[in-house]
Protein backbone atom coordinates (compact mmCIF):
# COMPACT_ATOMS: atom_id res chain seq x y z
CA MET A 1 100.32 -32.12 69.20
CA ASN A 2 98.12 -31.42 72.24
CA SER A 3 101.22 -30.29 74.12
CA PHE A 4 102.06 -27.86 71.33
CA ILE A 5 98.51 -26.43 71.29
CA HIS A 6 98.46 -25.96 75.08
CA ASN A 7 101.88 -24.36 75.02
CA PHE A 8 100.84 -22.04 72.21
CA GLN A 9 97.65 -21.01 74.08
CA SER A 10 99.77 -20.14 77.09
CA GLU A 11 102.14 -18.05 74.95
CA TRP A 12 99.23 -16.30 73.24
CA LEU A 13 97.72 -15.26 76.56
CA ARG A 14 101.05 -13.99 77.78
CA LYS A 15 101.73 -11.87 74.72
CA LYS A 16 98.41 -10.01 75.07
CA LYS A 17 99.87 -7.91 77.86
CA SER A 18 103.19 -7.31 76.13
CA LEU A 19 104.45 -4.27 74.23
CA ALA A 20 104.81 -6.49 71.14
CA ALA A 21 101.03 -6.97 70.93
CA TRP A 22 100.50 -3.21 70.90
CA LEU A 23 103.21 -2.76 68.28
CA VAL A 24 101.30 -5.06 65.93
CA ILE A 25 98.12 -2.99 66.26
CA THR A 26 99.88 0.37 66.13
CA GLY A 27 101.98 -0.71 63.11
CA GLY A 28 98.90 -1.74 61.16
CA VAL A 29 97.01 1.49 61.89
CA PHE A 30 99.74 4.13 61.70
CA ILE A 31 100.33 4.75 57.96
CA PRO A 32 96.64 4.35 56.86
CA LEU A 33 95.73 6.84 59.61
CA ILE A 34 98.20 9.36 58.17
CA SER A 35 96.78 8.69 54.69
CA THR A 36 93.27 9.35 55.95
CA ILE A 37 94.24 12.58 57.68
CA ALA A 38 96.02 13.74 54.50
CA ALA A 39 92.79 13.18 52.51
CA PHE A 40 90.90 15.51 54.86
CA VAL A 41 93.66 18.13 54.98
CA TYR A 42 94.17 18.20 51.18
CA PRO A 43 90.74 17.31 49.71
CA ASP A 44 91.41 19.01 46.35
CA GLU A 45 94.46 16.83 45.68
CA THR A 46 92.55 13.75 46.83
CA ILE A 47 89.74 14.15 44.30
CA GLY A 48 91.99 13.41 41.34
CA LYS A 49 93.23 10.18 42.91
CA TYR A 50 89.67 8.85 43.34
CA ASP A 51 89.05 9.21 39.59
CA SER A 52 91.82 6.78 38.71
CA LYS A 53 90.90 3.25 37.58
CA LEU A 54 93.82 2.02 39.63
CA PHE A 55 92.82 3.96 42.75
CA TRP A 56 92.95 0.99 45.14
CA GLU A 57 96.29 -0.28 43.80
CA LEU A 58 97.82 3.21 44.00
CA LEU A 59 96.48 3.63 47.53
CA TYR A 60 97.96 0.29 48.57
CA ASN A 61 101.40 1.08 47.10
CA SER A 62 101.49 4.57 48.58
CA ASN A 63 100.77 3.11 52.02
CA MET A 64 103.26 0.32 51.57
CA GLN A 65 106.19 2.46 50.44
CA LEU A 66 107.22 3.66 53.88
CA MET A 67 106.11 0.34 55.38
CA ALA A 68 108.25 -1.76 53.03
CA PHE A 69 111.42 0.29 53.39
CA PHE A 70 111.34 1.09 57.10
CA LEU A 71 108.40 0.27 59.32
CA MET A 72 107.85 -3.40 58.47
CA PRO A 73 111.50 -4.51 58.86
CA MET A 74 111.97 -2.36 61.97
CA GLY A 75 108.68 -3.61 63.42
CA ALA A 76 109.65 -7.22 62.76
CA ILE A 77 113.02 -6.67 64.45
CA LEU A 78 111.51 -5.04 67.52
CA THR A 79 108.47 -7.33 67.91
CA THR A 80 110.45 -10.56 67.54
CA SER A 81 113.13 -9.35 69.94
CA LEU A 82 110.46 -8.41 72.51
CA ILE A 83 108.72 -11.80 72.26
CA THR A 84 111.92 -13.79 72.68
CA GLN A 85 112.97 -11.65 75.63
CA LEU A 86 109.86 -12.50 77.67
CA GLU A 87 111.50 -15.65 79.06
CA HIS A 88 114.85 -13.98 79.63
CA LYS A 89 113.21 -11.05 81.37
CA ASN A 90 111.23 -13.29 83.73
CA ASN A 91 114.12 -15.77 84.03
CA THR A 92 111.81 -18.71 83.22
CA TRP A 93 113.88 -20.62 80.62
CA LYS A 94 115.22 -23.00 83.30
CA LEU A 95 111.68 -23.68 84.51
CA LEU A 96 110.46 -24.40 80.97
CA HIS A 97 113.27 -26.91 80.42
CA THR A 98 112.24 -28.84 83.55
CA LEU A 99 108.74 -29.36 82.16
CA PRO A 100 107.86 -32.41 79.99
CA ILE A 101 107.99 -30.33 76.81
CA SER A 102 110.33 -31.15 73.96
CA TYR A 103 112.90 -28.69 72.64
CA ILE A 104 111.13 -28.77 69.25
CA ASN A 105 107.90 -27.76 70.97
CA LEU A 106 109.50 -24.91 72.94
CA PHE A 107 111.41 -23.55 69.95
CA PHE A 108 108.64 -23.63 67.38
CA THR A 109 105.80 -22.53 69.67
CA LYS A 110 107.25 -19.07 70.06
CA LEU A 111 108.20 -18.90 66.38
CA VAL A 112 104.64 -19.75 65.31
CA LEU A 113 103.39 -17.13 67.76
CA VAL A 114 105.47 -14.45 66.04
CA LEU A 115 104.31 -15.57 62.59
CA ILE A 116 100.63 -15.44 63.62
CA MET A 117 101.21 -11.96 65.06
CA LEU A 118 102.64 -11.02 61.65
CA ILE A 119 99.48 -12.33 59.94
CA GLN A 120 97.44 -10.32 62.42
CA PHE A 121 99.42 -7.23 61.46
CA PHE A 122 98.70 -7.67 57.74
CA ILE A 123 94.98 -8.20 58.39
CA ILE A 124 94.81 -4.98 60.40
CA LEU A 125 96.89 -3.12 57.81
CA ASN A 126 94.75 -4.14 54.85
CA ILE A 127 91.51 -3.33 56.63
CA CYS A 128 92.87 0.07 57.62
CA ILE A 129 94.03 0.82 54.06
CA TRP A 130 90.49 0.08 52.82
CA ILE A 131 89.08 2.34 55.55
CA SER A 132 91.53 5.11 54.56
CA GLY A 133 90.09 5.00 51.03
CA THR A 134 86.46 4.71 52.13
CA LEU A 135 86.11 7.10 55.05
CA PRO A 136 86.92 10.32 53.12
CA CYS A 137 84.09 9.46 50.69
CA LEU A 138 81.64 9.34 53.58
CA MET A 139 82.86 12.59 55.15
CA ILE A 140 83.76 14.81 52.18
CA PRO A 141 80.74 15.57 49.89
CA SER A 142 82.90 16.28 46.83
CA LEU A 143 84.43 12.79 46.90
CA GLN A 144 82.67 9.86 45.29
CA TYR A 145 83.40 6.27 46.18
CA PRO A 146 85.59 4.64 43.46
CA THR A 147 83.54 2.90 40.78
CA VAL A 148 86.18 0.21 40.29
CA GLN A 149 85.90 -2.99 42.28
CA PHE A 150 88.10 -3.42 45.29
CA PRO A 151 91.01 -5.66 44.12
CA TRP A 152 91.03 -8.27 46.88
CA ASN A 153 93.36 -10.54 44.93
CA TYR A 154 95.90 -7.74 44.47
CA TYR A 155 95.91 -6.93 48.19
CA LEU A 156 96.06 -10.60 49.21
CA SER A 157 98.84 -11.60 46.80
CA ASN A 158 101.00 -8.60 47.68
CA SER A 159 100.46 -9.06 51.40
CA ILE A 160 101.51 -12.71 51.11
CA GLU A 161 104.70 -11.72 49.29
CA TYR A 162 105.48 -9.01 51.87
CA PHE A 163 104.81 -11.58 54.60
CA ILE A 164 107.24 -14.02 52.99
CA GLY A 165 109.77 -11.20 52.56
CA LEU A 166 109.77 -10.62 56.34
CA LEU A 167 110.33 -14.31 57.21
CA PRO A 168 114.16 -14.15 57.04
CA VAL A 169 114.13 -11.11 59.32
CA ILE A 170 111.91 -12.86 61.86
CA ALA A 171 113.92 -16.08 61.74
CA LEU A 172 117.26 -14.35 62.35
CA GLN A 173 115.88 -12.07 65.06
CA TYR A 174 114.20 -15.06 66.69
CA VAL A 175 117.43 -17.07 66.81
CA LEU A 176 119.41 -14.11 68.13
CA GLY A 177 116.73 -13.42 70.74
CA ILE A 178 116.85 -17.00 72.06
CA MET A 179 120.63 -17.20 72.08
CA PHE A 180 121.30 -13.90 73.89
CA LYS A 181 119.78 -12.73 77.17
CA ASN A 182 120.51 -9.05 76.60
CA PHE A 183 117.73 -7.44 74.52
CA LEU A 184 120.16 -4.96 73.02
CA VAL A 185 122.19 -7.69 71.30
CA PRO A 186 119.48 -9.04 68.92
CA PHE A 187 117.96 -5.59 68.49
CA GLY A 188 121.34 -3.96 67.79
CA VAL A 189 122.45 -6.68 65.36
CA GLY A 190 119.09 -6.56 63.59
CA MET A 191 119.13 -2.79 63.17
CA SER A 192 122.73 -2.91 61.94
CA LEU A 193 121.89 -5.49 59.30
CA PHE A 194 118.74 -3.58 58.33
CA VAL A 195 120.63 -0.27 57.83
CA SER A 196 123.44 -2.08 55.97
CA GLY A 197 120.82 -3.63 53.68
CA LEU A 198 119.35 -0.22 52.85
CA PHE A 199 122.74 1.03 51.74
CA ALA A 200 123.12 -2.06 49.58
CA LEU A 201 119.76 -1.82 47.79
CA LYS A 202 121.34 -0.62 44.54
CA TRP A 203 123.80 -3.51 44.54
CA LYS A 204 122.95 -6.10 41.90
CA TYR A 205 123.18 -8.84 44.52
CA ALA A 206 121.01 -7.04 47.08
CA TYR A 207 118.59 -9.99 46.98
CA THR A 208 121.20 -12.09 48.83
CA LEU A 209 120.74 -10.01 52.00
CA PRO A 210 117.96 -11.29 54.30
CA TYR A 211 116.70 -7.86 55.36
CA ASN A 212 116.14 -6.52 51.83
CA PHE A 213 113.15 -8.48 50.55
CA THR A 214 110.34 -6.09 51.45
CA PRO A 215 111.90 -2.98 49.76
CA LEU A 216 112.93 -5.11 46.74
CA HIS A 217 109.39 -6.45 46.46
CA HIS A 218 108.07 -2.87 46.52
CA PHE A 219 110.52 -1.95 43.75
CA GLN A 220 109.27 -4.84 41.62
CA HIS A 221 105.61 -3.99 42.04
CA THR A 222 106.13 -0.34 41.20
CA GLY A 223 107.82 -1.01 37.86
CA SER A 224 111.52 -1.58 38.66
CA VAL A 225 113.28 -4.52 37.03
CA ILE A 226 115.32 -6.62 39.46
CA LYS A 227 117.23 -9.56 38.05
CA THR A 228 117.27 -12.55 40.40
CA PRO A 229 118.04 -16.24 39.76
CA LEU A 230 114.79 -17.18 41.52
CA PRO A 231 111.62 -15.25 42.46
CA LEU A 232 112.22 -13.05 45.50
CA TYR A 233 109.76 -14.99 47.62
CA SER A 234 111.59 -18.24 46.82
CA ILE A 235 114.92 -16.80 47.94
CA ALA A 236 113.23 -15.46 51.10
CA LEU A 237 111.79 -18.90 51.89
CA ILE A 238 115.21 -20.49 51.41
CA TRP A 239 116.74 -17.95 53.81
CA PHE A 240 113.95 -18.60 56.32
CA GLY A 241 114.34 -22.38 56.17
CA CYS A 242 118.13 -22.27 56.50
CA ILE A 243 118.15 -19.77 59.38
CA THR A 244 115.42 -21.61 61.25
CA LEU A 245 117.16 -24.98 60.90
CA ILE A 246 120.54 -23.60 61.98
CA GLY A 247 118.87 -21.69 64.80
CA PHE A 248 117.18 -24.81 66.15
CA LEU A 249 120.45 -26.76 66.06
CA LEU A 250 122.19 -23.96 67.94
CA TYR A 251 119.41 -23.88 70.51
CA PHE A 252 119.35 -27.67 70.85
CA ASN A 253 123.10 -27.89 71.42
CA LYS A 254 123.37 -24.82 73.61
CA LYS A 255 124.78 -25.91 76.99
CA ASP A 256 123.34 -23.04 79.02
CA LYS A 257 119.68 -22.74 78.07
CA SER A 258 118.84 -20.37 80.89
């Protein structure tokens, strides 16, 4: 356990200087920033939205629409690919395998790092969405702060489901990133699967594709009926568990781990 913690601390310090760390911050700020700017540019249209009893829920869903369909899956693909390529780029896999660290430790340390970065992204995103609804009230005299309570449970529960929906994407990108030295291979495969999934969204079995869970979740929470044998988050967790297990076995049995 101590070995895992020390290894994780080392990975966390290394990622701070990486492009992936900046992607997490930028991804969480980008859409709420556009939403805030729109409120200042079109104040007359914004006033009506603040009168709604479901203002915070509508604000969340409007921010998450573009995120769920494009930015979150693409961000997960790019960030995970960048993290796994750190060792390939510096050619340090051979060095790591000479250290007294188990394969389980090496494999899951980086995976946990990516998952915590994903949690960090959702924290930043939710805070920025709240700011995007609050800041215009402070700067535009005609806007009054919504009288309804901020629905923390709604934001938390939806963020957890979006988080779970991204797990299959992260798992598959992580395995591809470890197995292939060339960054373009995991990134290209991930983008191909992502685009293919978008075209298959209207298919009744779209829930069987690992890159489709965030847009399908958005469909469900905006009124669409999607028939699935299990809840979407359960299917996503099954995908995540299967891909992670197969990925570890492939990594463990890989002859050339450099």
